[in-house]
Amino acid sequence: MKTVQLLIDGGHLMATARKAGIKYSPDFIERVAQQAVEPNTEDLIRVLYYDCAPYRGTARLPISGLQTEFKGDGGWLDDLARRDLFAVRKGVLKFRGWTRKDGASSQPLSDADFKPNFVQKGVDLRIGLDLSNLANHRSVDRVLMIAADTDLIPAMKYGRVCGLQIVSVVHPGVRLSGEFLAHVDLRRERPWPTAVESAPALAAS
């Protein structure tokens, strides 16, 4: 049996699942993790899930200048962290102003024609550090990854040099760059979970 850890980039998984029309919830994430593993040949040690809690704070609307408040609830991340074998690594979500919505054509423009622009900070760094730590200690044989960011390549290369096998878990409709795949040992295709999720869908951050 190969010992494995699964690393999930939550931003990547959420975006691709929603693009496929799937409700995103802790139940769904848990099912994705279960399906990623080969039960007959792999022993799952832990699932590391990386994401940012929804933004909480105030900002001025782009046209009216009125103040608005963001009240995102990150309790679902605490729910996920309490599940068997899951650990949650949190980055920070930063507000970076307003972006005009595609197709916005109001004349004159109104606040409703814009959407907040949030940027994740620290997620890739945490994935890279954990991957490097696994490589240094050789605590597992394989690292399964649900991710796509090429910023992770240096850590992936280091892991392979240290003897880890890197497995990319890919779902329908997800396309990975050739640059990313060049640093993967195995590509593993998995279907989206089909069971109806019992938990409510998460609101967009």
N, C-alpha and C. Protein backbone atom coordinates (compact mmCIF):
# COMPACT_ATOMS: atom_id res chain seq x y z
N MET A 1 0.84 -1.20 0.00
CA MET A 1 0.00 0.00 0.00
C MET A 1 0.88 1.25 0.00
N LYS A 2 0.50 2.20 -0.82
CA LYS A 2 1.17 3.49 -0.85
C LYS A 2 0.47 4.44 0.13
N THR A 3 1.26 5.11 0.99
CA THR A 3 0.68 6.13 1.86
C THR A 3 0.59 7.44 1.07
N VAL A 4 -0.53 8.13 1.22
CA VAL A 4 -0.76 9.33 0.43
C VAL A 4 -1.36 10.44 1.28
N GLN A 5 -1.07 11.67 0.86
CA GLN A 5 -1.81 12.84 1.35
C GLN A 5 -2.41 13.53 0.14
N LEU A 6 -3.59 14.09 0.35
CA LEU A 6 -4.29 14.82 -0.71
C LEU A 6 -4.26 16.30 -0.40
N LEU A 7 -3.79 17.11 -1.36
CA LEU A 7 -3.74 18.56 -1.22
C LEU A 7 -4.76 19.15 -2.19
N ILE A 8 -5.71 19.94 -1.66
CA ILE A 8 -6.77 20.52 -2.47
C ILE A 8 -6.68 22.04 -2.44
N ASP A 9 -6.50 22.64 -3.61
CA ASP A 9 -6.60 24.09 -3.75
C ASP A 9 -8.09 24.43 -3.84
N GLY A 10 -8.65 24.95 -2.74
CA GLY A 10 -10.08 25.19 -2.68
C GLY A 10 -10.59 26.16 -3.73
N GLY A 11 -9.82 27.20 -4.03
CA GLY A 11 -10.25 28.15 -5.05
C GLY A 11 -10.39 27.49 -6.41
N HIS A 12 -9.45 26.62 -6.74
CA HIS A 12 -9.50 25.88 -8.01
C HIS A 12 -10.68 24.93 -8.04
N LEU A 13 -10.87 24.16 -6.97
CA LEU A 13 -11.97 23.19 -6.95
C LEU A 13 -13.32 23.89 -6.99
N MET A 14 -13.48 24.97 -6.25
CA MET A 14 -14.75 25.69 -6.24
C MET A 14 -15.09 26.25 -7.62
N ALA A 15 -14.10 26.87 -8.27
CA ALA A 15 -14.34 27.46 -9.58
C ALA A 15 -14.72 26.42 -10.62
N THR A 16 -14.02 25.29 -10.62
CA THR A 16 -14.30 24.27 -11.64
C THR A 16 -15.61 23.54 -11.36
N ALA A 17 -15.94 23.34 -10.07
CA ALA A 17 -17.20 22.69 -9.74
C ALA A 17 -18.38 23.57 -10.11
N ARG A 18 -18.29 24.85 -9.79
CA ARG A 18 -19.39 25.76 -10.12
C ARG A 18 -19.54 25.92 -11.63
N LYS A 19 -18.44 25.88 -12.35
CA LYS A 19 -18.52 25.94 -13.81
C LYS A 19 -19.27 24.74 -14.35
N ALA A 20 -19.17 23.60 -13.66
CA ALA A 20 -19.88 22.39 -14.07
C ALA A 20 -21.31 22.36 -13.53
N GLY A 21 -21.73 23.42 -12.84
CA GLY A 21 -23.09 23.50 -12.32
C GLY A 21 -23.32 22.71 -11.05
N ILE A 22 -22.26 22.47 -10.27
CA ILE A 22 -22.34 21.66 -9.06
C ILE A 22 -22.42 22.56 -7.83
N LYS A 23 -23.30 22.21 -6.91
CA LYS A 23 -23.40 22.94 -5.65
C LYS A 23 -22.17 22.62 -4.79
N TYR A 24 -21.55 23.65 -4.29
CA TYR A 24 -20.31 23.49 -3.54
C TYR A 24 -20.62 23.49 -2.04
N SER A 25 -20.22 22.46 -1.36
CA SER A 25 -20.50 22.32 0.07
C SER A 25 -19.44 21.44 0.71
N PRO A 26 -19.33 21.43 2.05
CA PRO A 26 -18.39 20.52 2.70
C PRO A 26 -18.65 19.05 2.35
N ASP A 27 -19.92 18.66 2.22
CA ASP A 27 -20.23 17.28 1.83
C ASP A 27 -19.63 16.95 0.46
N PHE A 28 -19.76 17.90 -0.47
CA PHE A 28 -19.22 17.70 -1.81
C PHE A 28 -17.70 17.56 -1.75
N ILE A 29 -17.04 18.43 -1.01
CA ILE A 29 -15.58 18.38 -0.90
C ILE A 29 -15.12 17.04 -0.33
N GLU A 30 -15.84 16.55 0.68
CA GLU A 30 -15.50 15.27 1.28
C GLU A 30 -15.64 14.14 0.27
N ARG A 31 -16.69 14.18 -0.55
CA ARG A 31 -16.88 13.14 -1.56
C ARG A 31 -15.77 13.19 -2.62
N VAL A 32 -15.38 14.39 -3.02
CA VAL A 32 -14.29 14.55 -3.97
C VAL A 32 -13.01 13.92 -3.42
N ALA A 33 -12.73 14.17 -2.14
CA ALA A 33 -11.54 13.62 -1.50
C ALA A 33 -11.58 12.09 -1.47
N GLN A 34 -12.74 11.54 -1.14
CA GLN A 34 -12.88 10.09 -1.08
C GLN A 34 -12.63 9.46 -2.45
N GLN A 35 -13.15 10.09 -3.50
CA GLN A 35 -13.02 9.53 -4.84
C GLN A 35 -11.62 9.68 -5.41
N ALA A 36 -10.83 10.59 -4.85
CA ALA A 36 -9.49 10.83 -5.40
C ALA A 36 -8.54 9.68 -5.13
N VAL A 37 -8.83 8.90 -4.10
CA VAL A 37 -7.91 7.86 -3.63
C VAL A 37 -8.25 6.51 -4.26
N GLU A 38 -7.20 5.73 -4.57
CA GLU A 38 -7.36 4.34 -5.01
C GLU A 38 -7.44 3.46 -3.77
N PRO A 39 -8.63 3.00 -3.37
CA PRO A 39 -8.77 2.33 -2.07
C PRO A 39 -8.02 1.01 -1.95
N ASN A 40 -7.74 0.35 -3.05
CA ASN A 40 -7.08 -0.95 -2.98
C ASN A 40 -5.55 -0.86 -2.90
N THR A 41 -5.04 0.30 -3.27
CA THR A 41 -3.57 0.42 -3.31
C THR A 41 -3.03 1.60 -2.51
N GLU A 42 -3.91 2.45 -2.00
CA GLU A 42 -3.45 3.65 -1.31
C GLU A 42 -4.09 3.79 0.07
N ASP A 43 -3.30 4.25 1.01
CA ASP A 43 -3.76 4.50 2.37
C ASP A 43 -3.71 6.01 2.61
N LEU A 44 -4.88 6.64 2.71
CA LEU A 44 -4.96 8.09 2.87
C LEU A 44 -4.62 8.49 4.31
N ILE A 45 -3.60 9.32 4.47
CA ILE A 45 -3.17 9.77 5.79
C ILE A 45 -3.93 11.03 6.20
N ARG A 46 -4.10 11.97 5.26
CA ARG A 46 -4.74 13.25 5.60
C ARG A 46 -5.12 13.99 4.32
N VAL A 47 -6.15 14.84 4.45
CA VAL A 47 -6.54 15.75 3.37
C VAL A 47 -6.24 17.16 3.84
N LEU A 48 -5.42 17.88 3.11
CA LEU A 48 -5.13 19.28 3.40
C LEU A 48 -5.91 20.15 2.42
N TYR A 49 -6.79 20.97 2.96
CA TYR A 49 -7.65 21.83 2.13
C TYR A 49 -7.24 23.28 2.33
N TYR A 50 -6.97 23.97 1.24
CA TYR A 50 -6.45 25.34 1.29
C TYR A 50 -7.47 26.31 0.70
N ASP A 51 -7.80 27.33 1.48
CA ASP A 51 -8.78 28.31 1.01
C ASP A 51 -8.69 29.55 1.89
N CYS A 52 -9.52 30.54 1.55
CA CYS A 52 -9.62 31.75 2.36
C CYS A 52 -11.04 31.87 2.88
N ALA A 53 -11.18 32.31 4.11
CA ALA A 53 -12.51 32.62 4.62
C ALA A 53 -13.07 33.81 3.84
N PRO A 54 -14.40 33.88 3.67
CA PRO A 54 -14.99 35.03 2.96
C PRO A 54 -14.58 36.35 3.59
N TYR A 55 -14.51 37.37 2.77
CA TYR A 55 -14.06 38.69 3.22
C TYR A 55 -15.10 39.33 4.13
N ARG A 56 -14.62 39.93 5.20
CA ARG A 56 -15.46 40.72 6.10
C ARG A 56 -14.85 42.10 6.23
N GLY A 57 -15.64 43.11 5.96
CA GLY A 57 -15.13 44.48 6.04
C GLY A 57 -16.06 45.44 5.31
N THR A 58 -15.65 46.69 5.20
CA THR A 58 -16.46 47.71 4.53
C THR A 58 -15.68 48.32 3.38
N ALA A 59 -16.41 48.86 2.42
CA ALA A 59 -15.81 49.53 1.27
C ALA A 59 -16.82 50.52 0.71
N ARG A 60 -16.33 51.48 -0.05
CA ARG A 60 -17.21 52.45 -0.69
C ARG A 60 -17.59 51.96 -2.08
N LEU A 61 -18.87 52.06 -2.39
CA LEU A 61 -19.35 51.64 -3.70
C LEU A 61 -18.75 52.52 -4.78
N PRO A 62 -18.51 51.96 -5.99
CA PRO A 62 -17.71 52.67 -6.99
C PRO A 62 -18.38 53.90 -7.61
N ILE A 63 -19.69 53.98 -7.64
CA ILE A 63 -20.36 55.11 -8.29
C ILE A 63 -20.97 56.05 -7.26
N SER A 64 -21.79 55.52 -6.37
CA SER A 64 -22.47 56.37 -5.39
C SER A 64 -21.56 56.84 -4.27
N GLY A 65 -20.51 56.07 -4.00
CA GLY A 65 -19.63 56.41 -2.89
C GLY A 65 -20.19 56.01 -1.54
N LEU A 66 -21.36 55.39 -1.53
CA LEU A 66 -21.93 54.93 -0.27
C LEU A 66 -21.13 53.75 0.27
N GLN A 67 -21.16 53.60 1.56
CA GLN A 67 -20.39 52.52 2.18
C GLN A 67 -21.22 51.23 2.20
N THR A 68 -20.58 50.12 1.84
CA THR A 68 -21.22 48.81 1.90
C THR A 68 -20.41 47.89 2.78
N GLU A 69 -21.07 46.89 3.35
CA GLU A 69 -20.40 45.97 4.27
C GLU A 69 -20.46 44.56 3.71
N PHE A 70 -19.32 43.88 3.74
CA PHE A 70 -19.24 42.47 3.35
C PHE A 70 -19.30 41.63 4.63
N LYS A 71 -20.23 40.66 4.64
CA LYS A 71 -20.46 39.87 5.85
C LYS A 71 -20.30 38.38 5.58
N GLY A 72 -19.26 38.00 4.88
CA GLY A 72 -19.07 36.59 4.55
C GLY A 72 -18.93 35.73 5.79
N ASP A 73 -19.46 34.51 5.71
CA ASP A 73 -19.41 33.58 6.83
C ASP A 73 -18.51 32.40 6.47
N GLY A 74 -17.44 32.24 7.22
CA GLY A 74 -16.50 31.15 6.95
C GLY A 74 -16.71 29.93 7.83
N GLY A 75 -17.91 29.80 8.41
CA GLY A 75 -18.17 28.68 9.29
C GLY A 75 -18.06 27.33 8.60
N TRP A 76 -18.28 27.31 7.28
CA TRP A 76 -18.20 26.04 6.55
C TRP A 76 -16.78 25.49 6.56
N LEU A 77 -15.77 26.36 6.64
CA LEU A 77 -14.40 25.89 6.73
C LEU A 77 -14.14 25.21 8.08
N ASP A 78 -14.77 25.73 9.14
CA ASP A 78 -14.65 25.09 10.45
C ASP A 78 -15.34 23.72 10.42
N ASP A 79 -16.47 23.64 9.73
CA ASP A 79 -17.18 22.36 9.56
C ASP A 79 -16.26 21.36 8.87
N LEU A 80 -15.61 21.80 7.79
CA LEU A 80 -14.73 20.90 7.04
C LEU A 80 -13.56 20.44 7.89
N ALA A 81 -13.01 21.34 8.68
CA ALA A 81 -11.84 21.01 9.51
C ALA A 81 -12.17 19.96 10.57
N ARG A 82 -13.44 19.87 10.97
CA ARG A 82 -13.83 18.89 11.99
C ARG A 82 -14.07 17.50 11.41
N ARG A 83 -14.04 17.36 10.10
CA ARG A 83 -14.31 16.06 9.48
C ARG A 83 -13.08 15.16 9.54
N ASP A 84 -13.34 13.86 9.51
CA ASP A 84 -12.26 12.88 9.63
C ASP A 84 -11.18 13.11 8.57
N LEU A 85 -9.94 13.14 9.01
CA LEU A 85 -8.73 13.24 8.18
C LEU A 85 -8.54 14.59 7.51
N PHE A 86 -9.42 15.56 7.74
CA PHE A 86 -9.29 16.87 7.10
C PHE A 86 -8.53 17.85 7.99
N ALA A 87 -7.69 18.65 7.36
CA ALA A 87 -7.07 19.81 7.99
C ALA A 87 -7.22 20.98 7.02
N VAL A 88 -7.54 22.14 7.54
CA VAL A 88 -7.77 23.32 6.71
C VAL A 88 -6.65 24.32 6.91
N ARG A 89 -6.06 24.77 5.81
CA ARG A 89 -5.02 25.79 5.83
C ARG A 89 -5.62 27.06 5.23
N LYS A 90 -5.65 28.14 6.01
CA LYS A 90 -6.32 29.36 5.57
C LYS A 90 -5.34 30.43 5.12
N GLY A 91 -5.58 30.95 3.92
CA GLY A 91 -4.91 32.16 3.48
C GLY A 91 -5.77 33.36 3.85
N VAL A 92 -5.51 34.48 3.22
CA VAL A 92 -6.24 35.72 3.51
C VAL A 92 -6.83 36.26 2.22
N LEU A 93 -8.11 36.67 2.28
CA LEU A 93 -8.77 37.26 1.12
C LEU A 93 -8.68 38.78 1.22
N LYS A 94 -8.10 39.41 0.20
CA LYS A 94 -7.92 40.86 0.18
C LYS A 94 -8.89 41.50 -0.81
N PHE A 95 -9.45 42.64 -0.44
CA PHE A 95 -10.32 43.41 -1.34
C PHE A 95 -9.46 44.31 -2.19
N ARG A 96 -9.62 44.22 -3.51
CA ARG A 96 -8.80 44.98 -4.45
C ARG A 96 -9.65 45.86 -5.36
N GLY A 97 -10.70 46.43 -4.80
CA GLY A 97 -11.50 47.38 -5.57
C GLY A 97 -12.64 46.72 -6.33
N TRP A 98 -13.09 47.42 -7.38
CA TRP A 98 -14.28 47.00 -8.12
C TRP A 98 -13.95 46.73 -9.58
N THR A 99 -14.61 45.74 -10.16
CA THR A 99 -14.43 45.39 -11.56
C THR A 99 -15.77 45.49 -12.27
N ARG A 100 -15.77 46.10 -13.44
CA ARG A 100 -17.01 46.22 -14.20
C ARG A 100 -17.47 44.84 -14.67
N LYS A 101 -18.74 44.53 -14.47
CA LYS A 101 -19.28 43.24 -14.86
C LYS A 101 -19.32 43.10 -16.39
N ASP A 102 -19.13 41.89 -16.87
CA ASP A 102 -19.25 41.63 -18.30
C ASP A 102 -20.66 41.96 -18.75
N GLY A 103 -20.75 42.72 -19.84
CA GLY A 103 -22.07 43.05 -20.39
C GLY A 103 -22.74 44.24 -19.73
N ALA A 104 -22.10 44.84 -18.72
CA ALA A 104 -22.71 46.01 -18.07
C ALA A 104 -22.82 47.15 -19.07
N SER A 105 -24.03 47.67 -19.24
CA SER A 105 -24.22 48.69 -20.28
C SER A 105 -25.13 49.83 -19.82
N SER A 106 -25.30 49.96 -18.51
CA SER A 106 -26.15 51.04 -18.01
C SER A 106 -25.58 52.40 -18.40
N GLN A 107 -26.46 53.31 -18.75
CA GLN A 107 -26.05 54.67 -19.06
C GLN A 107 -26.91 55.65 -18.27
N PRO A 108 -26.37 56.32 -17.28
CA PRO A 108 -24.98 56.18 -16.81
C PRO A 108 -24.79 54.90 -15.99
N LEU A 109 -23.54 54.57 -15.73
CA LEU A 109 -23.23 53.39 -14.95
C LEU A 109 -23.74 53.55 -13.51
N SER A 110 -24.09 52.40 -12.90
CA SER A 110 -24.53 52.40 -11.51
C SER A 110 -23.68 51.41 -10.72
N ASP A 111 -23.86 51.42 -9.41
CA ASP A 111 -23.12 50.48 -8.55
C ASP A 111 -23.38 49.04 -8.96
N ALA A 112 -24.58 48.75 -9.46
CA ALA A 112 -24.95 47.39 -9.83
C ALA A 112 -24.16 46.87 -11.03
N ASP A 113 -23.48 47.75 -11.74
CA ASP A 113 -22.69 47.34 -12.91
C ASP A 113 -21.29 46.86 -12.52
N PHE A 114 -20.99 46.84 -11.23
CA PHE A 114 -19.66 46.46 -10.77
C PHE A 114 -19.75 45.31 -9.76
N LYS A 115 -18.67 44.55 -9.69
CA LYS A 115 -18.57 43.46 -8.72
C LYS A 115 -17.25 43.64 -7.95
N PRO A 116 -17.22 43.19 -6.70
CA PRO A 116 -15.98 43.33 -5.92
C PRO A 116 -14.90 42.40 -6.46
N ASN A 117 -13.68 42.87 -6.39
CA ASN A 117 -12.53 42.10 -6.84
C ASN A 117 -11.74 41.66 -5.61
N PHE A 118 -11.77 40.34 -5.36
CA PHE A 118 -11.05 39.78 -4.22
C PHE A 118 -9.86 38.97 -4.72
N VAL A 119 -8.77 39.01 -3.97
CA VAL A 119 -7.55 38.29 -4.33
C VAL A 119 -7.11 37.44 -3.15
N GLN A 120 -6.83 36.15 -3.42
CA GLN A 120 -6.32 35.26 -2.38
C GLN A 120 -4.84 35.52 -2.13
N LYS A 121 -4.46 35.55 -0.89
CA LYS A 121 -3.07 35.72 -0.52
C LYS A 121 -2.64 34.58 0.42
N GLY A 122 -1.51 33.97 0.12
CA GLY A 122 -0.93 32.99 1.02
C GLY A 122 -1.33 31.55 0.78
N VAL A 123 -2.26 31.29 -0.15
CA VAL A 123 -2.71 29.92 -0.38
C VAL A 123 -1.62 29.10 -1.07
N ASP A 124 -1.10 29.61 -2.19
CA ASP A 124 -0.04 28.88 -2.90
C ASP A 124 1.18 28.67 -2.02
N LEU A 125 1.50 29.68 -1.22
CA LEU A 125 2.65 29.56 -0.32
C LEU A 125 2.46 28.41 0.66
N ARG A 126 1.27 28.29 1.22
CA ARG A 126 1.00 27.22 2.18
C ARG A 126 1.04 25.85 1.52
N ILE A 127 0.51 25.74 0.30
CA ILE A 127 0.58 24.47 -0.42
C ILE A 127 2.04 24.09 -0.67
N GLY A 128 2.82 25.06 -1.14
CA GLY A 128 4.22 24.80 -1.43
C GLY A 128 5.01 24.40 -0.20
N LEU A 129 4.75 25.07 0.93
CA LEU A 129 5.46 24.73 2.17
C LEU A 129 5.11 23.32 2.65
N ASP A 130 3.83 22.97 2.59
CA ASP A 130 3.43 21.64 3.03
C ASP A 130 4.00 20.56 2.12
N LEU A 131 4.00 20.82 0.82
CA LEU A 131 4.56 19.85 -0.12
C LEU A 131 6.06 19.66 0.13
N SER A 132 6.76 20.75 0.38
CA SER A 132 8.20 20.66 0.67
C SER A 132 8.45 19.93 1.98
N ASN A 133 7.60 20.17 2.97
CA ASN A 133 7.75 19.49 4.26
C ASN A 133 7.53 17.98 4.12
N LEU A 134 6.53 17.60 3.32
CA LEU A 134 6.30 16.18 3.07
C LEU A 134 7.50 15.55 2.37
N ALA A 135 8.10 16.31 1.46
CA ALA A 135 9.27 15.81 0.74
C ALA A 135 10.46 15.63 1.67
N ASN A 136 10.67 16.62 2.55
CA ASN A 136 11.81 16.56 3.45
C ASN A 136 11.72 15.38 4.42
N HIS A 137 10.54 15.12 4.92
CA HIS A 137 10.37 14.09 5.94
C HIS A 137 9.99 12.73 5.35
N ARG A 138 9.64 12.71 4.05
CA ARG A 138 9.24 11.47 3.39
C ARG A 138 8.21 10.72 4.23
N SER A 139 7.22 11.48 4.73
CA SER A 139 6.19 10.89 5.59
C SER A 139 5.11 10.16 4.79
N VAL A 140 5.07 10.37 3.47
CA VAL A 140 4.16 9.64 2.59
C VAL A 140 4.92 9.24 1.33
N ASP A 141 4.31 8.33 0.57
CA ASP A 141 4.90 7.91 -0.70
C ASP A 141 4.45 8.78 -1.88
N ARG A 142 3.19 9.22 -1.80
CA ARG A 142 2.62 9.99 -2.90
C ARG A 142 1.88 11.21 -2.36
N VAL A 143 1.86 12.25 -3.18
CA VAL A 143 1.03 13.41 -2.91
C VAL A 143 0.03 13.54 -4.06
N LEU A 144 -1.26 13.47 -3.71
CA LEU A 144 -2.31 13.70 -4.68
C LEU A 144 -2.65 15.18 -4.66
N MET A 145 -2.83 15.77 -5.83
CA MET A 145 -3.10 17.21 -5.89
C MET A 145 -4.32 17.51 -6.75
N ILE A 146 -5.23 18.30 -6.19
CA ILE A 146 -6.31 18.90 -6.97
C ILE A 146 -5.99 20.38 -7.03
N ALA A 147 -5.30 20.75 -8.07
CA ALA A 147 -4.76 22.10 -8.21
C ALA A 147 -4.35 22.30 -9.67
N ALA A 148 -4.03 23.54 -10.02
CA ALA A 148 -3.65 23.82 -11.40
C ALA A 148 -2.67 24.97 -11.54
N ASP A 149 -2.35 25.63 -10.45
CA ASP A 149 -1.54 26.85 -10.51
C ASP A 149 -0.07 26.52 -10.78
N THR A 150 0.49 27.12 -11.80
CA THR A 150 1.89 26.87 -12.16
C THR A 150 2.86 27.44 -11.11
N ASP A 151 2.37 28.29 -10.22
CA ASP A 151 3.23 28.78 -9.14
C ASP A 151 3.66 27.65 -8.20
N LEU A 152 2.97 26.52 -8.27
CA LEU A 152 3.29 25.37 -7.42
C LEU A 152 4.41 24.51 -7.99
N ILE A 153 4.82 24.77 -9.22
CA ILE A 153 5.78 23.91 -9.90
C ILE A 153 7.11 23.78 -9.13
N PRO A 154 7.70 24.86 -8.61
CA PRO A 154 8.97 24.67 -7.88
C PRO A 154 8.85 23.67 -6.73
N ALA A 155 7.75 23.72 -5.97
CA ALA A 155 7.56 22.77 -4.87
C ALA A 155 7.32 21.37 -5.40
N MET A 156 6.62 21.24 -6.51
CA MET A 156 6.39 19.93 -7.13
C MET A 156 7.71 19.32 -7.59
N LYS A 157 8.55 20.13 -8.21
CA LYS A 157 9.86 19.66 -8.66
C LYS A 157 10.70 19.20 -7.48
N TYR A 158 10.67 19.98 -6.41
CA TYR A 158 11.45 19.61 -5.23
C TYR A 158 10.95 18.30 -4.64
N GLY A 159 9.64 18.13 -4.58
CA GLY A 159 9.08 16.88 -4.06
C GLY A 159 9.52 15.67 -4.86
N ARG A 160 9.54 15.80 -6.18
CA ARG A 160 9.95 14.68 -7.03
C ARG A 160 11.44 14.38 -6.85
N VAL A 161 12.25 15.42 -6.73
CA VAL A 161 13.68 15.21 -6.51
C VAL A 161 13.92 14.44 -5.21
N CYS A 162 13.07 14.69 -4.23
CA CYS A 162 13.21 14.01 -2.93
C CYS A 162 12.58 12.62 -2.93
N GLY A 163 11.97 12.22 -4.03
CA GLY A 163 11.45 10.87 -4.13
C GLY A 163 9.95 10.72 -4.02
N LEU A 164 9.21 11.83 -3.85
CA LEU A 164 7.76 11.74 -3.81
C LEU A 164 7.21 11.53 -5.22
N GLN A 165 6.10 10.79 -5.30
CA GLN A 165 5.35 10.73 -6.54
C GLN A 165 4.24 11.78 -6.48
N ILE A 166 4.11 12.56 -7.54
CA ILE A 166 3.10 13.60 -7.61
C ILE A 166 1.98 13.13 -8.54
N VAL A 167 0.77 13.06 -8.03
CA VAL A 167 -0.39 12.61 -8.80
C VAL A 167 -1.37 13.76 -8.95
N SER A 168 -1.71 14.11 -10.18
CA SER A 168 -2.68 15.16 -10.45
C SER A 168 -4.05 14.53 -10.64
N VAL A 169 -5.02 14.92 -9.80
CA VAL A 169 -6.38 14.41 -9.89
C VAL A 169 -7.20 15.43 -10.70
N VAL A 170 -7.76 14.96 -11.81
CA VAL A 170 -8.41 15.86 -12.76
C VAL A 170 -9.87 15.46 -12.94
N HIS A 171 -10.76 16.46 -12.93
CA HIS A 171 -12.19 16.23 -13.09
C HIS A 171 -12.67 16.68 -14.48
N PRO A 172 -13.84 16.21 -14.90
CA PRO A 172 -14.36 16.56 -16.24
C PRO A 172 -14.44 18.07 -16.44
N GLY A 173 -14.01 18.51 -17.61
CA GLY A 173 -14.05 19.93 -17.95
C GLY A 173 -12.86 20.73 -17.47
N VAL A 174 -11.96 20.09 -16.73
CA VAL A 174 -10.78 20.79 -16.20
C VAL A 174 -9.60 20.54 -17.13
N ARG A 175 -8.99 21.62 -17.57
CA ARG A 175 -7.82 21.51 -18.45
C ARG A 175 -6.61 22.07 -17.73
N LEU A 176 -5.57 21.26 -17.63
CA LEU A 176 -4.33 21.68 -17.00
C LEU A 176 -3.32 22.06 -18.07
N SER A 177 -2.49 23.03 -17.76
CA SER A 177 -1.49 23.46 -18.73
C SER A 177 -0.41 22.39 -18.91
N GLY A 178 0.17 22.37 -20.08
CA GLY A 178 1.28 21.45 -20.32
C GLY A 178 2.43 21.68 -19.37
N GLU A 179 2.64 22.93 -19.00
CA GLU A 179 3.74 23.27 -18.08
C GLU A 179 3.50 22.60 -16.73
N PHE A 180 2.25 22.60 -16.24
CA PHE A 180 1.93 21.97 -14.97
C PHE A 180 2.08 20.45 -15.06
N LEU A 181 1.55 19.87 -16.13
CA LEU A 181 1.57 18.42 -16.28
C LEU A 181 2.98 17.87 -16.47
N ALA A 182 3.90 18.71 -16.93
CA ALA A 182 5.28 18.26 -17.13
C ALA A 182 5.95 17.89 -15.82
N HIS A 183 5.38 18.31 -14.71
CA HIS A 183 5.98 18.05 -13.40
C HIS A 183 5.11 17.13 -12.55
N VAL A 184 4.28 16.33 -13.22
CA VAL A 184 3.40 15.36 -12.57
C VAL A 184 3.84 13.96 -12.97
N ASP A 185 3.83 13.03 -12.01
CA ASP A 185 4.18 11.64 -12.32
C ASP A 185 3.01 10.87 -12.92
N LEU A 186 1.83 11.09 -12.35
CA LEU A 186 0.63 10.37 -12.79
C LEU A 186 -0.53 11.34 -12.91
N ARG A 187 -1.33 11.17 -13.95
CA ARG A 187 -2.56 11.93 -14.12
C ARG A 187 -3.72 10.98 -13.85
N ARG A 188 -4.59 11.34 -12.93
CA ARG A 188 -5.70 10.47 -12.52
C ARG A 188 -7.02 11.19 -12.79
N GLU A 189 -7.82 10.66 -13.69
CA GLU A 189 -9.11 11.27 -14.01
C GLU A 189 -10.19 10.70 -13.10
N ARG A 190 -11.03 11.59 -12.59
CA ARG A 190 -12.11 11.21 -11.70
C ARG A 190 -13.40 11.92 -12.12
N PRO A 191 -14.55 11.24 -12.03
CA PRO A 191 -15.83 11.91 -12.32
C PRO A 191 -16.22 12.81 -11.15
N TRP A 192 -17.09 13.76 -11.41
CA TRP A 192 -17.65 14.52 -10.30
C TRP A 192 -18.57 13.61 -9.48
N PRO A 193 -18.60 13.77 -8.17
CA PRO A 193 -19.53 12.96 -7.36
C PRO A 193 -20.96 13.18 -7.82
N THR A 194 -21.74 12.11 -7.84
CA THR A 194 -23.11 12.19 -8.36
C THR A 194 -24.16 12.19 -7.26
N ALA A 195 -23.77 11.86 -6.02
CA ALA A 195 -24.75 11.81 -4.94
C ALA A 195 -25.28 13.21 -4.63
N VAL A 196 -26.54 13.29 -4.26
CA VAL A 196 -27.14 14.56 -3.88
C VAL A 196 -26.53 15.01 -2.55
N GLU A 197 -26.09 16.26 -2.49
CA GLU A 197 -25.44 16.75 -1.30
C GLU A 197 -26.49 17.17 -0.24
N SER A 198 -26.26 16.82 1.00
CA SER A 198 -27.23 17.14 2.04
C SER A 198 -27.04 18.55 2.58
N ALA A 199 -25.83 19.08 2.48
CA ALA A 199 -25.56 20.43 3.00
C ALA A 199 -25.94 21.47 1.96
N PRO A 200 -26.33 22.69 2.42
CA PRO A 200 -26.65 23.74 1.47
C PRO A 200 -25.42 24.22 0.71
N ALA A 201 -25.65 24.76 -0.46
CA ALA A 201 -24.54 25.28 -1.26
C ALA A 201 -23.95 26.51 -0.58
N LEU A 202 -22.66 26.74 -0.79
CA LEU A 202 -22.00 27.90 -0.21
C LEU A 202 -22.27 29.13 -1.04
N ALA A 203 -22.45 30.26 -0.39
CA ALA A 203 -22.59 31.51 -1.12
C ALA A 203 -21.25 31.91 -1.68
N ALA A 204 -21.28 32.63 -2.79
CA ALA A 204 -20.03 33.12 -3.39
C ALA A 204 -19.35 34.08 -2.44
N SER A 205 -18.02 34.05 -2.42
CA SER A 205 -17.26 34.92 -1.53
C SER A 205 -17.41 36.37 -1.98
